[in-house]
Each structure stands twice: as C-alpha cells, then as structure tokens.
Amino acid sequence: MFGISLLRLHNNVLPAFQQSVRTAAQITSIHAVTSIKTAPSIKQHTVEQGNERKQLLSRPGLFGIKRGMITWFTPKGEQFAATVIEIDSCEVIGQKTRDQHGYDANIIGTIDKLKNYPREAELKMFEEAGVSPKHKFGEFRVLDTNNLIPVGTELKADYFSVGQMVDIKGITKGKGFAGVMKRWNFAGNNATHGVSKAHRTPGSMGGNQNPGRVLPGKKMPGRMGCDNRTEFNKEVLHVDGDAGLLIVKGNIPGPNKSIVRISDALKLYGKRRFQVLS
C-alpha cells in the first residue's frame, strides 16, 4: 500500500475524494502577452488646423456703442422692443494673414482718442494705417485672405442691410454679490410657519454622511454679471450710414454706453474652409 501511494503521488494522481476542480478565472501571465507599441497620437492643436475646424465668416464685423432701447413700430401697426447702436469712426487699422500669423483677420478700431493715449507702443500701428488712435480695437477673423478689407477703410452702419441677421456680443451688466434667489431663481423658504431669519437662504447644501460634502457646481451665492454673452440672429431693422445709427430687434447684452461686437450671423452665414475649397 505504501508503494502504491508513492506511485500515485509520483504520477500526480489523487484519489477521487481528494481531487478538486479549479473554478476561478485563469490569470494569464504578463510575460505571455506580446507587447504592442501603438503609434503616437497626432496633435491637432496648431493654428492652421484649428482654422480648418472653425466656422468663420466671409467678412469681418465691427464695433458699436449701445445707446438704449426704443419701441419700434411696423407699417402694420405692430410694436416691439428694439436697441439703438451707434457706429462711431469704425476703421480698419491692420491685417493678419495666414502666411505670417496662421490665420486671416482684420484689426478694427472705434472711437477716436486724440490725446492722452495711454499706450505709446501702439501709436505706430495707427500711424502706419493712417487713422487716428482708437479707444477700442480688436480682431475679427475671416474665412480667407481674399476677404480682408484694406487698411484705412471706414466701416459705417450701412455695412449691414435691413432684414439681415447679426450676432451681437457684449459684457452683461454687473450685479455685484447676489443671493441664490436673484442669481439662480431659487424659490426661497416659507415666509411664515416657523421660518425665522431664513426666508431667502438656499437651504441644505449637502448631506452630513452622504455625500458628506458640497458637490462641485452647486448653485450658491456669488458675483453676478460681467459675463461675455452673445445674442444670435438679431434682425436689423434700420441703418443710417451718415448718422451712424444701427437699430436691431430685441435687446442686447451690456449697459448703455458699452461697446459691443457686431458681425454677420454665424449660424446662417458662416462656413468652414473645406466647404469653400471643395
């Protein structure tokens, strides 16, 4: 018997009551896996490749000054709110081309500042363009180099036509530090029935144990306003190039006397570069 037991152990054969079947998943050794080297990803963050993905307009926009709101009447007797925008000495002061800067854009300025200009380094740019120093200037990208406007050209309100759609971008009015009822339209707590000095408070911010913290993005009191906002597809109601007046339907962001950017409606007139080349 002792010899038979040694023979069974030598041949790795166990009795039936001692045999066991492994049911767990077999883990393959990392040394048995063939190493595969993947190709490095292509970074598409250059300015040129970004322009291919962008939706751009065929002509630049211009700057305007918000002057207030009026009531506009149609020949049919309809009335609705409208905003008056002043176009004041808006001129082209520079160009950026694809060959030198990677993209095509016009630099446009507005509002003459004839004395006490704060940045002397920029005076050379105005001198080369042959225009007066400007209080405000910025870039407007265009789809192609052929769409650039010559330097020194003055853009008036009749740059846009009646009936077309424009996008207007501005900075909203600053409201200061606001509570949740004003900032996020919270309903607030009950005015009676045991509520004491907590009528406008937000209430519970987060559970004690679950989740045990305030989750990111929670709507809370804070600074309200002074944000960049864009109003899309605003209809042009009236233009007067000599008077420098542009009237659009509805309201636009920002207080009176603030400077806004006006351009053709991107969702309607914008194109990508591959659509032009194809």
C-alpha atoms as a PDB file:
ATOM      1  CA  MET A   1       0.000   0.000   0.000  1.00  0.00           C
ATOM      2  CA  PHE A   2       2.774   2.394   0.806  1.00  0.00           C
ATOM      3  CA  GLY A   3       4.352   1.745  -2.599  1.00  0.00           C
ATOM      4  CA  ILE A   4       1.040   2.285  -4.400  1.00  0.00           C
ATOM      5  CA  SER A   5       0.559   5.632  -2.599  1.00  0.00           C
ATOM      6  CA  LEU A   6       4.017   6.803  -3.642  1.00  0.00           C
ATOM      7  CA  LEU A   7       3.272   5.754  -7.205  1.00  0.00           C
ATOM      8  CA  ARG A   8       0.047   7.764  -7.234  1.00  0.00           C
ATOM      9  CA  LEU A   9       1.755  10.855  -5.838  1.00  0.00           C
ATOM     10  CA  HIS A  10       4.563  10.488  -8.355  1.00  0.00           C
ATOM     11  CA  ASN A  11       2.075  10.433 -11.243  1.00  0.00           C
ATOM     12  CA  ASN A  12       0.060  13.366  -9.734  1.00  0.00           C
ATOM     13  CA  VAL A  13      -2.975  11.145  -9.426  1.00  0.00           C
ATOM     14  CA  LEU A  14      -5.046  11.603  -6.270  1.00  0.00           C
ATOM     15  CA  PRO A  15      -7.969   9.606  -5.024  1.00  0.00           C
ATOM     16  CA  ALA A  16     -11.442  10.806  -6.057  1.00  0.00           C
ATOM     17  CA  PHE A  17     -12.256  12.225  -2.613  1.00  0.00           C
ATOM     18  CA  GLN A  18      -9.072  14.348  -2.687  1.00  0.00           C
ATOM     19  CA  GLN A  19      -9.385  15.713  -6.261  1.00  0.00           C
ATOM     20  CA  SER A  20     -10.549  19.381  -6.643  1.00  0.00           C
ATOM     21  CA  VAL A  21     -11.584  21.377  -9.706  1.00  0.00           C
ATOM     22  CA  ARG A  22     -10.437  24.997 -10.074  1.00  0.00           C
ATOM     23  CA  THR A  23     -13.416  27.211 -10.949  1.00  0.00           C
ATOM     24  CA  ALA A  24     -11.722  30.631 -10.632  1.00  0.00           C
ATOM     25  CA  ALA A  25     -10.670  32.566 -13.728  1.00  0.00           C
ATOM     26  CA  GLN A  26      -7.245  31.788 -15.016  1.00  0.00           C
ATOM     27  CA  ILE A  27      -4.992  34.872 -14.959  1.00  0.00           C
ATOM     28  CA  THR A  28      -2.593  34.920 -17.885  1.00  0.00           C
ATOM     29  CA  SER A  29       0.923  35.873 -17.030  1.00  0.00           C
ATOM     30  CA  ILE A  30       2.022  39.301 -18.265  1.00  0.00           C
ATOM     31  CA  HIS A  31       5.098  37.630 -19.735  1.00  0.00           C
ATOM     32  CA  ALA A  32       2.913  35.615 -22.107  1.00  0.00           C
ATOM     33  CA  VAL A  33       1.327  38.703 -23.654  1.00  0.00           C
ATOM     34  CA  THR A  34       3.043  40.072 -26.723  1.00  0.00           C
ATOM     35  CA  SER A  35       3.925  43.732 -26.300  1.00  0.00           C
ATOM     36  CA  ILE A  36       2.235  46.045 -28.814  1.00  0.00           C
ATOM     37  CA  LYS A  37       3.566  49.515 -29.472  1.00  0.00           C
ATOM     38  CA  THR A  38       0.855  51.929 -30.525  1.00  0.00           C
ATOM     39  CA  ALA A  39       1.579  54.848 -32.798  1.00  0.00           C
ATOM     40  CA  PRO A  40       1.744  58.226 -31.063  1.00  0.00           C
ATOM     41  CA  SER A  41      -1.367  60.355 -31.391  1.00  0.00           C
ATOM     42  CA  ILE A  42      -1.327  63.253 -33.809  1.00  0.00           C
ATOM     43  CA  LYS A  43      -1.718  66.600 -32.084  1.00  0.00           C
ATOM     44  CA  GLN A  44      -4.106  68.819 -33.969  1.00  0.00           C
ATOM     45  CA  HIS A  45      -3.636  71.958 -31.916  1.00  0.00           C
ATOM     46  CA  THR A  46      -1.875  74.180 -34.400  1.00  0.00           C
ATOM     47  CA  VAL A  47      -3.460  77.426 -35.512  1.00  0.00           C
ATOM     48  CA  GLU A  48      -3.751  76.225 -39.107  1.00  0.00           C
ATOM     49  CA  GLN A  49      -5.546  73.015 -38.156  1.00  0.00           C
ATOM     50  CA  GLY A  50      -7.789  74.944 -35.789  1.00  0.00           C
ATOM     51  CA  ASN A  51      -8.843  77.212 -38.646  1.00  0.00           C
ATOM     52  CA  GLU A  52      -9.889  74.181 -40.678  1.00  0.00           C
ATOM     53  CA  ARG A  53     -12.320  73.173 -37.937  1.00  0.00           C
ATOM     54  CA  LYS A  54     -13.643  76.656 -37.176  1.00  0.00           C
ATOM     55  CA  GLN A  55     -16.775  78.056 -38.700  1.00  0.00           C
ATOM     56  CA  LEU A  56     -15.856  81.527 -39.960  1.00  0.00           C
ATOM     57  CA  LEU A  57     -17.496  84.413 -41.774  1.00  0.00           C
ATOM     58  CA  SER A  58     -16.600  85.763 -45.192  1.00  0.00           C
ATOM     59  CA  ARG A  59     -16.191  89.326 -43.877  1.00  0.00           C
ATOM     60  CA  PRO A  60     -15.255  90.910 -40.533  1.00  0.00           C
ATOM     61  CA  GLY A  61     -17.619  92.659 -38.170  1.00  0.00           C
ATOM     62  CA  LEU A  62     -17.367  95.996 -36.415  1.00  0.00           C
ATOM     63  CA  PHE A  63     -17.734  97.662 -33.027  1.00  0.00           C
ATOM     64  CA  GLY A  64     -20.771  99.605 -31.855  1.00  0.00           C
ATOM     65  CA  ILE A  65     -21.895 101.579 -28.819  1.00  0.00           C
ATOM     66  CA  LYS A  66     -25.151 100.649 -27.130  1.00  0.00           C
ATOM     67  CA  ARG A  67     -27.252 103.796 -26.681  1.00  0.00           C
ATOM     68  CA  GLY A  68     -30.507 102.434 -25.266  1.00  0.00           C
ATOM     69  CA  MET A  69     -33.810 100.815 -26.196  1.00  0.00           C
ATOM     70  CA  ILE A  70     -36.840 102.142 -28.014  1.00  0.00           C
ATOM     71  CA  THR A  71     -40.237 100.925 -29.185  1.00  0.00           C
ATOM     72  CA  TRP A  72     -40.273 100.075 -32.880  1.00  0.00           C
ATOM     73  CA  PHE A  73     -43.488 100.282 -34.903  1.00  0.00           C
ATOM     74  CA  THR A  74     -44.047  98.395 -38.146  1.00  0.00           C
ATOM     75  CA  PRO A  75     -46.228  99.638 -41.042  1.00  0.00           C
ATOM     76  CA  LYS A  76     -48.828  97.055 -39.969  1.00  0.00           C
ATOM     77  CA  GLY A  77     -49.123  98.642 -36.536  1.00  0.00           C
ATOM     78  CA  GLU A  78     -47.065  96.024 -34.662  1.00  0.00           C
ATOM     79  CA  GLN A  79     -44.702  97.180 -31.953  1.00  0.00           C
ATOM     80  CA  PHE A  80     -41.785  95.526 -30.203  1.00  0.00           C
ATOM     81  CA  ALA A  81     -38.613  96.400 -28.353  1.00  0.00           C
ATOM     82  CA  ALA A  82     -35.531  97.464 -30.277  1.00  0.00           C
ATOM     83  CA  THR A  83     -31.992  98.579 -29.417  1.00  0.00           C
ATOM     84  CA  VAL A  84     -30.175 101.595 -30.836  1.00  0.00           C
ATOM     85  CA  ILE A  85     -26.459 101.115 -31.573  1.00  0.00           C
ATOM     86  CA  GLU A  86     -24.114 103.916 -32.594  1.00  0.00           C
ATOM     87  CA  ILE A  87     -21.275 103.289 -35.059  1.00  0.00           C
ATOM     88  CA  ASP A  88     -18.583 105.880 -34.284  1.00  0.00           C
ATOM     89  CA  SER A  89     -15.494 106.240 -36.529  1.00  0.00           C
ATOM     90  CA  CYS A  90     -15.051 102.495 -37.014  1.00  0.00           C
ATOM     91  CA  GLU A  91     -11.956 101.970 -39.200  1.00  0.00           C
ATOM     92  CA  VAL A  92      -9.651  99.143 -40.283  1.00  0.00           C
ATOM     93  CA  ILE A  93      -6.233  99.614 -38.669  1.00  0.00           C
ATOM     94  CA  GLY A  94      -4.461  96.368 -39.546  1.00  0.00           C
ATOM     95  CA  GLN A  95      -4.442  92.908 -41.099  1.00  0.00           C
ATOM     96  CA  LYS A  96      -3.251  89.452 -40.076  1.00  0.00           C
ATOM     97  CA  THR A  97      -2.620  86.925 -42.815  1.00  0.00           C
ATOM     98  CA  ARG A  98      -2.346  83.155 -42.867  1.00  0.00           C
ATOM     99  CA  ASP A  99       1.266  83.248 -44.049  1.00  0.00           C
ATOM    100  CA  GLN A 100       2.535  85.420 -41.185  1.00  0.00           C
ATOM    101  CA  HIS A 101       0.211  84.659 -38.273  1.00  0.00           C
ATOM    102  CA  GLY A 102      -1.511  81.391 -39.205  1.00  0.00           C
ATOM    103  CA  TYR A 103      -4.969  82.902 -39.657  1.00  0.00           C
ATOM    104  CA  ASP A 104      -6.690  85.731 -41.514  1.00  0.00           C
ATOM    105  CA  ALA A 105      -8.160  88.621 -39.551  1.00  0.00           C
ATOM    106  CA  ASN A 106      -8.824  92.346 -39.702  1.00  0.00           C
ATOM    107  CA  ILE A 107      -7.958  94.618 -36.791  1.00  0.00           C
ATOM    108  CA  ILE A 108     -10.744  97.162 -36.415  1.00  0.00           C
ATOM    109  CA  GLY A 109     -10.875 100.116 -34.026  1.00  0.00           C
ATOM    110  CA  THR A 110     -13.558 102.549 -32.922  1.00  0.00           C
ATOM    111  CA  ILE A 111     -13.941 105.870 -31.057  1.00  0.00           C
ATOM    112  CA  ASP A 112     -11.148 108.356 -31.721  1.00  0.00           C
ATOM    113  CA  LYS A 113      -8.844 109.156 -28.792  1.00  0.00           C
ATOM    114  CA  LEU A 114      -6.843 112.165 -29.945  1.00  0.00           C
ATOM    115  CA  LYS A 115      -4.965 112.996 -26.741  1.00  0.00           C
ATOM    116  CA  ASN A 116      -3.596 111.286 -23.634  1.00  0.00           C
ATOM    117  CA  TYR A 117      -3.323 107.920 -25.354  1.00  0.00           C
ATOM    118  CA  PRO A 118      -2.131 105.520 -22.622  1.00  0.00           C
ATOM    119  CA  ARG A 119      -0.087 103.058 -24.747  1.00  0.00           C
ATOM    120  CA  GLU A 120       2.594 104.770 -26.801  1.00  0.00           C
ATOM    121  CA  ALA A 121       3.823 101.490 -28.339  1.00  0.00           C
ATOM    122  CA  GLU A 122       0.546 101.185 -30.271  1.00  0.00           C
ATOM    123  CA  LEU A 123       0.734 104.656 -31.811  1.00  0.00           C
ATOM    124  CA  LYS A 124       2.989 103.326 -34.577  1.00  0.00           C
ATOM    125  CA  MET A 125       0.253 100.919 -35.697  1.00  0.00           C
ATOM    126  CA  PHE A 126      -2.230 103.781 -36.055  1.00  0.00           C
ATOM    127  CA  GLU A 127       0.334 105.927 -37.847  1.00  0.00           C
ATOM    128  CA  GLU A 128       1.073 103.209 -40.413  1.00  0.00           C
ATOM    129  CA  ALA A 129      -2.649 102.729 -41.017  1.00  0.00           C
ATOM    130  CA  GLY A 130      -3.190 106.462 -41.467  1.00  0.00           C
ATOM    131  CA  VAL A 131      -6.000 106.663 -38.880  1.00  0.00           C
ATOM    132  CA  SER A 132      -6.459 108.391 -35.547  1.00  0.00           C
ATOM    133  CA  PRO A 133      -5.672 106.493 -32.316  1.00  0.00           C
ATOM    134  CA  LYS A 134      -8.632 104.430 -31.188  1.00  0.00           C
ATOM    135  CA  HIS A 135     -10.143 103.933 -27.766  1.00  0.00           C
ATOM    136  CA  LYS A 136     -11.065 100.312 -28.569  1.00  0.00           C
ATOM    137  CA  PHE A 137      -9.787  97.873 -31.183  1.00  0.00           C
ATOM    138  CA  GLY A 138      -9.872  94.136 -31.729  1.00  0.00           C
ATOM    139  CA  GLU A 139      -9.603  91.290 -34.235  1.00  0.00           C
ATOM    140  CA  PHE A 140     -12.305  89.828 -36.453  1.00  0.00           C
ATOM    141  CA  ARG A 141     -11.334  86.582 -38.164  1.00  0.00           C
ATOM    142  CA  VAL A 142     -12.394  85.907 -41.739  1.00  0.00           C
ATOM    143  CA  LEU A 143     -12.596  82.788 -43.858  1.00  0.00           C
ATOM    144  CA  ASP A 144      -9.912  83.576 -46.418  1.00  0.00           C
ATOM    145  CA  THR A 145      -7.232  86.113 -47.203  1.00  0.00           C
ATOM    146  CA  ASN A 146      -9.249  87.419 -50.143  1.00  0.00           C
ATOM    147  CA  ASN A 147     -11.951  88.566 -47.715  1.00  0.00           C
ATOM    148  CA  LEU A 148      -9.704  91.018 -45.867  1.00  0.00           C
ATOM    149  CA  ILE A 149     -10.657  94.697 -46.027  1.00  0.00           C
ATOM    150  CA  PRO A 150      -7.892  97.194 -46.949  1.00  0.00           C
ATOM    151  CA  VAL A 151      -6.272  99.117 -44.106  1.00  0.00           C
ATOM    152  CA  GLY A 152      -7.714 102.593 -43.561  1.00  0.00           C
ATOM    153  CA  THR A 153     -11.234 101.736 -44.754  1.00  0.00           C
ATOM    154  CA  GLU A 154     -14.040 103.264 -42.685  1.00  0.00           C
ATOM    155  CA  LEU A 155     -16.975 100.984 -41.892  1.00  0.00           C
ATOM    156  CA  LYS A 156     -20.344 102.687 -41.417  1.00  0.00           C
ATOM    157  CA  ALA A 157     -23.715 101.484 -40.224  1.00  0.00           C
ATOM    158  CA  ASP A 158     -24.802 100.682 -43.794  1.00  0.00           C
ATOM    159  CA  TYR A 159     -22.157  97.933 -43.711  1.00  0.00           C
ATOM    160  CA  PHE A 160     -25.196  95.847 -42.692  1.00  0.00           C
ATOM    161  CA  SER A 161     -28.506  95.803 -44.562  1.00  0.00           C
ATOM    162  CA  VAL A 162     -32.076  95.937 -43.334  1.00  0.00           C
ATOM    163  CA  GLY A 163     -33.559  92.491 -42.802  1.00  0.00           C
ATOM    164  CA  GLN A 164     -30.322  90.573 -42.355  1.00  0.00           C
ATOM    165  CA  MET A 165     -29.392  88.751 -39.153  1.00  0.00           C
ATOM    166  CA  VAL A 166     -26.444  89.715 -36.975  1.00  0.00           C
ATOM    167  CA  ASP A 167     -24.736  88.369 -33.843  1.00  0.00           C
ATOM    168  CA  ILE A 168     -24.007  90.841 -31.063  1.00  0.00           C
ATOM    169  CA  LYS A 169     -21.509  90.069 -28.325  1.00  0.00           C
ATOM    170  CA  GLY A 170     -21.080  92.138 -25.181  1.00  0.00           C
ATOM    171  CA  ILE A 171     -20.420  92.060 -21.448  1.00  0.00           C
ATOM    172  CA  THR A 172     -23.523  91.831 -19.289  1.00  0.00           C
ATOM    173  CA  LYS A 173     -24.374  94.292 -16.548  1.00  0.00           C
ATOM    174  CA  GLY A 174     -22.597  93.724 -13.238  1.00  0.00           C
ATOM    175  CA  LYS A 175     -24.984  92.961 -10.376  1.00  0.00           C
ATOM    176  CA  GLY A 176     -22.423  92.560  -7.604  1.00  0.00           C
ATOM    177  CA  PHE A 177     -22.664  89.835  -4.944  1.00  0.00           C
ATOM    178  CA  ALA A 178     -26.138  88.304  -5.265  1.00  0.00           C
ATOM    179  CA  GLY A 179     -28.035  85.637  -3.355  1.00  0.00           C
ATOM    180  CA  VAL A 180     -29.458  82.443  -4.767  1.00  0.00           C
ATOM    181  CA  MET A 181     -32.946  83.868  -5.289  1.00  0.00           C
ATOM    182  CA  LYS A 182     -31.681  86.637  -7.556  1.00  0.00           C
ATOM    183  CA  ARG A 183     -28.805  84.716  -9.102  1.00  0.00           C
ATOM    184  CA  TRP A 184     -30.422  81.309  -9.688  1.00  0.00           C
ATOM    185  CA  ASN A 185     -34.171  82.000  -9.251  1.00  0.00           C
ATOM    186  CA  PHE A 186     -34.500  79.900  -6.092  1.00  0.00           C
ATOM    187  CA  ALA A 187     -37.969  79.923  -4.548  1.00  0.00           C
ATOM    188  CA  GLY A 188     -36.740  80.605  -1.013  1.00  0.00           C
ATOM    189  CA  ASN A 189     -38.203  79.218   2.227  1.00  0.00           C
ATOM    190  CA  ASN A 190     -41.649  79.817   3.656  1.00  0.00           C
ATOM    191  CA  ALA A 191     -42.492  83.330   4.756  1.00  0.00           C
ATOM    192  CA  THR A 192     -44.251  82.024   7.929  1.00  0.00           C
ATOM    193  CA  HIS A 193     -44.836  78.727   9.747  1.00  0.00           C
ATOM    194  CA  GLY A 194     -41.775  78.667  11.914  1.00  0.00           C
ATOM    195  CA  VAL A 195     -39.196  80.062   9.500  1.00  0.00           C
ATOM    196  CA  SER A 196     -37.008  82.513  11.401  1.00  0.00           C
ATOM    197  CA  LYS A 197     -34.492  84.744   9.563  1.00  0.00           C
ATOM    198  CA  ALA A 198     -34.006  82.187   6.789  1.00  0.00           C
ATOM    199  CA  HIS A 199     -36.518  83.328   4.211  1.00  0.00           C
ATOM    200  CA  ARG A 200     -34.040  83.811   1.334  1.00  0.00           C
ATOM    201  CA  THR A 201     -31.431  81.207   2.261  1.00  0.00           C
ATOM    202  CA  PRO A 202     -30.644  78.341  -0.166  1.00  0.00           C
ATOM    203  CA  GLY A 203     -31.341  75.570   2.361  1.00  0.00           C
ATOM    204  CA  SER A 204     -29.367  72.343   2.638  1.00  0.00           C
ATOM    205  CA  MET A 205     -26.066  72.305   0.739  1.00  0.00           C
ATOM    206  CA  GLY A 206     -25.165  68.626   1.162  1.00  0.00           C
ATOM    207  CA  GLY A 207     -25.862  65.629   3.372  1.00  0.00           C
ATOM    208  CA  ASN A 208     -23.875  65.021   6.557  1.00  0.00           C
ATOM    209  CA  GLN A 209     -22.839  61.473   5.647  1.00  0.00           C
ATOM    210  CA  ASN A 210     -23.908  61.046   2.035  1.00  0.00           C
ATOM    211  CA  PRO A 211     -22.233  62.628   0.094  1.00  0.00           C
ATOM    212  CA  GLY A 212     -20.633  64.321   3.108  1.00  0.00           C
ATOM    213  CA  ARG A 213     -19.514  67.335   1.099  1.00  0.00           C
ATOM    214  CA  VAL A 214     -20.783  70.046  -1.230  1.00  0.00           C
ATOM    215  CA  LEU A 215     -20.651  68.788  -4.791  1.00  0.00           C
ATOM    216  CA  PRO A 216     -18.814  70.900  -7.404  1.00  0.00           C
ATOM    217  CA  GLY A 217     -21.052  73.164  -9.441  1.00  0.00           C
ATOM    218  CA  LYS A 218     -23.554  73.723  -6.650  1.00  0.00           C
ATOM    219  CA  LYS A 219     -25.636  76.854  -7.238  1.00  0.00           C
ATOM    220  CA  MET A 220     -24.634  79.216  -4.466  1.00  0.00           C
ATOM    221  CA  PRO A 221     -24.480  82.961  -3.773  1.00  0.00           C
ATOM    222  CA  GLY A 222     -21.715  84.816  -5.580  1.00  0.00           C
ATOM    223  CA  ARG A 223     -20.712  87.505  -8.037  1.00  0.00           C
ATOM    224  CA  MET A 224     -23.368  88.002 -10.683  1.00  0.00           C
ATOM    225  CA  GLY A 225     -22.985  89.605 -14.099  1.00  0.00           C
ATOM    226  CA  CYS A 226     -19.949  90.887 -16.026  1.00  0.00           C
ATOM    227  CA  ASP A 227     -20.013  87.804 -18.286  1.00  0.00           C
ATOM    228  CA  ASN A 228     -19.436  87.552 -22.026  1.00  0.00           C
ATOM    229  CA  ARG A 229     -22.745  86.905 -23.761  1.00  0.00           C
ATOM    230  CA  THR A 230     -23.656  86.575 -27.423  1.00  0.00           C
ATOM    231  CA  GLU A 231     -27.121  87.241 -28.827  1.00  0.00           C
ATOM    232  CA  PHE A 232     -27.546  85.235 -32.011  1.00  0.00           C
ATOM    233  CA  ASN A 233     -29.683  86.066 -35.055  1.00  0.00           C
ATOM    234  CA  LYS A 234     -30.815  89.595 -34.220  1.00  0.00           C
ATOM    235  CA  GLU A 235     -32.739  91.202 -37.079  1.00  0.00           C
ATOM    236  CA  VAL A 236     -31.561  94.548 -38.424  1.00  0.00           C
ATOM    237  CA  LEU A 237     -34.481  96.998 -38.553  1.00  0.00           C
ATOM    238  CA  HIS A 238     -32.870 100.251 -39.664  1.00  0.00           C
ATOM    239  CA  VAL A 239     -29.484 101.535 -40.824  1.00  0.00           C
ATOM    240  CA  ASP A 240     -28.265 105.100 -41.364  1.00  0.00           C
ATOM    241  CA  GLY A 241     -24.669 105.364 -42.509  1.00  0.00           C
ATOM    242  CA  ASP A 242     -24.434 109.157 -42.317  1.00  0.00           C
ATOM    243  CA  ALA A 243     -25.920 109.382 -38.823  1.00  0.00           C
ATOM    244  CA  GLY A 244     -24.075 106.244 -37.655  1.00  0.00           C
ATOM    245  CA  LEU A 245     -27.209 104.526 -36.353  1.00  0.00           C
ATOM    246  CA  LEU A 246     -27.998 100.817 -36.363  1.00  0.00           C
ATOM    247  CA  ILE A 247     -31.265  99.545 -34.877  1.00  0.00           C
ATOM    248  CA  VAL A 248     -31.738  95.839 -34.145  1.00  0.00           C
ATOM    249  CA  LYS A 249     -34.763  93.941 -32.911  1.00  0.00           C
ATOM    250  CA  GLY A 250     -34.847  92.928 -29.243  1.00  0.00           C
ATOM    251  CA  ASN A 251     -32.308  93.526 -26.502  1.00  0.00           C
ATOM    252  CA  ILE A 252     -28.565  93.034 -26.430  1.00  0.00           C
ATOM    253  CA  PRO A 253     -26.169  92.400 -23.512  1.00  0.00           C
ATOM    254  CA  GLY A 254     -24.493  95.206 -21.600  1.00  0.00           C
ATOM    255  CA  PRO A 255     -25.413  98.581 -20.114  1.00  0.00           C
ATOM    256  CA  ASN A 256     -25.839 101.773 -22.100  1.00  0.00           C
ATOM    257  CA  LYS A 257     -22.611 103.293 -23.470  1.00  0.00           C
ATOM    258  CA  SER A 258     -20.960  99.861 -23.511  1.00  0.00           C
ATOM    259  CA  ILE A 259     -19.055  98.659 -26.593  1.00  0.00           C
ATOM    260  CA  VAL A 260     -20.385  95.563 -28.385  1.00  0.00           C
ATOM    261  CA  ARG A 261     -19.110  93.451 -31.271  1.00  0.00           C
ATOM    262  CA  ILE A 262     -21.458  93.190 -34.258  1.00  0.00           C
ATOM    263  CA  SER A 263     -20.968  90.627 -37.021  1.00  0.00           C
ATOM    264  CA  ASP A 264     -22.974  88.634 -39.527  1.00  0.00           C
ATOM    265  CA  ALA A 265     -24.973  85.750 -38.065  1.00  0.00           C
ATOM    266  CA  LEU A 266     -22.508  82.876 -37.773  1.00  0.00           C
ATOM    267  CA  LYS A 267     -25.165  80.157 -37.744  1.00  0.00           C
ATOM    268  CA  LEU A 268     -26.652  81.420 -41.001  1.00  0.00           C
ATOM    269  CA  TYR A 269     -23.732  82.822 -42.992  1.00  0.00           C
ATOM    270  CA  GLY A 270     -20.736  81.013 -41.500  1.00  0.00           C
ATOM    271  CA  LYS A 271     -18.769  78.392 -43.429  1.00  0.00           C
ATOM    272  CA  ARG A 272     -15.770  76.151 -42.883  1.00  0.00           C
ATOM    273  CA  ARG A 273     -12.724  76.359 -45.093  1.00  0.00           C
ATOM    274  CA  PHE A 274     -13.119  72.872 -46.593  1.00  0.00           C
ATOM    275  CA  GLN A 275     -16.610  73.869 -47.813  1.00  0.00           C
ATOM    276  CA  VAL A 276     -15.072  76.695 -49.836  1.00  0.00           C
ATOM    277  CA  LEU A 277     -12.214  74.627 -51.279  1.00  0.00           C
ATOM    278  CA  SER A 278     -14.454  71.700 -52.277  1.00  0.00           C
END
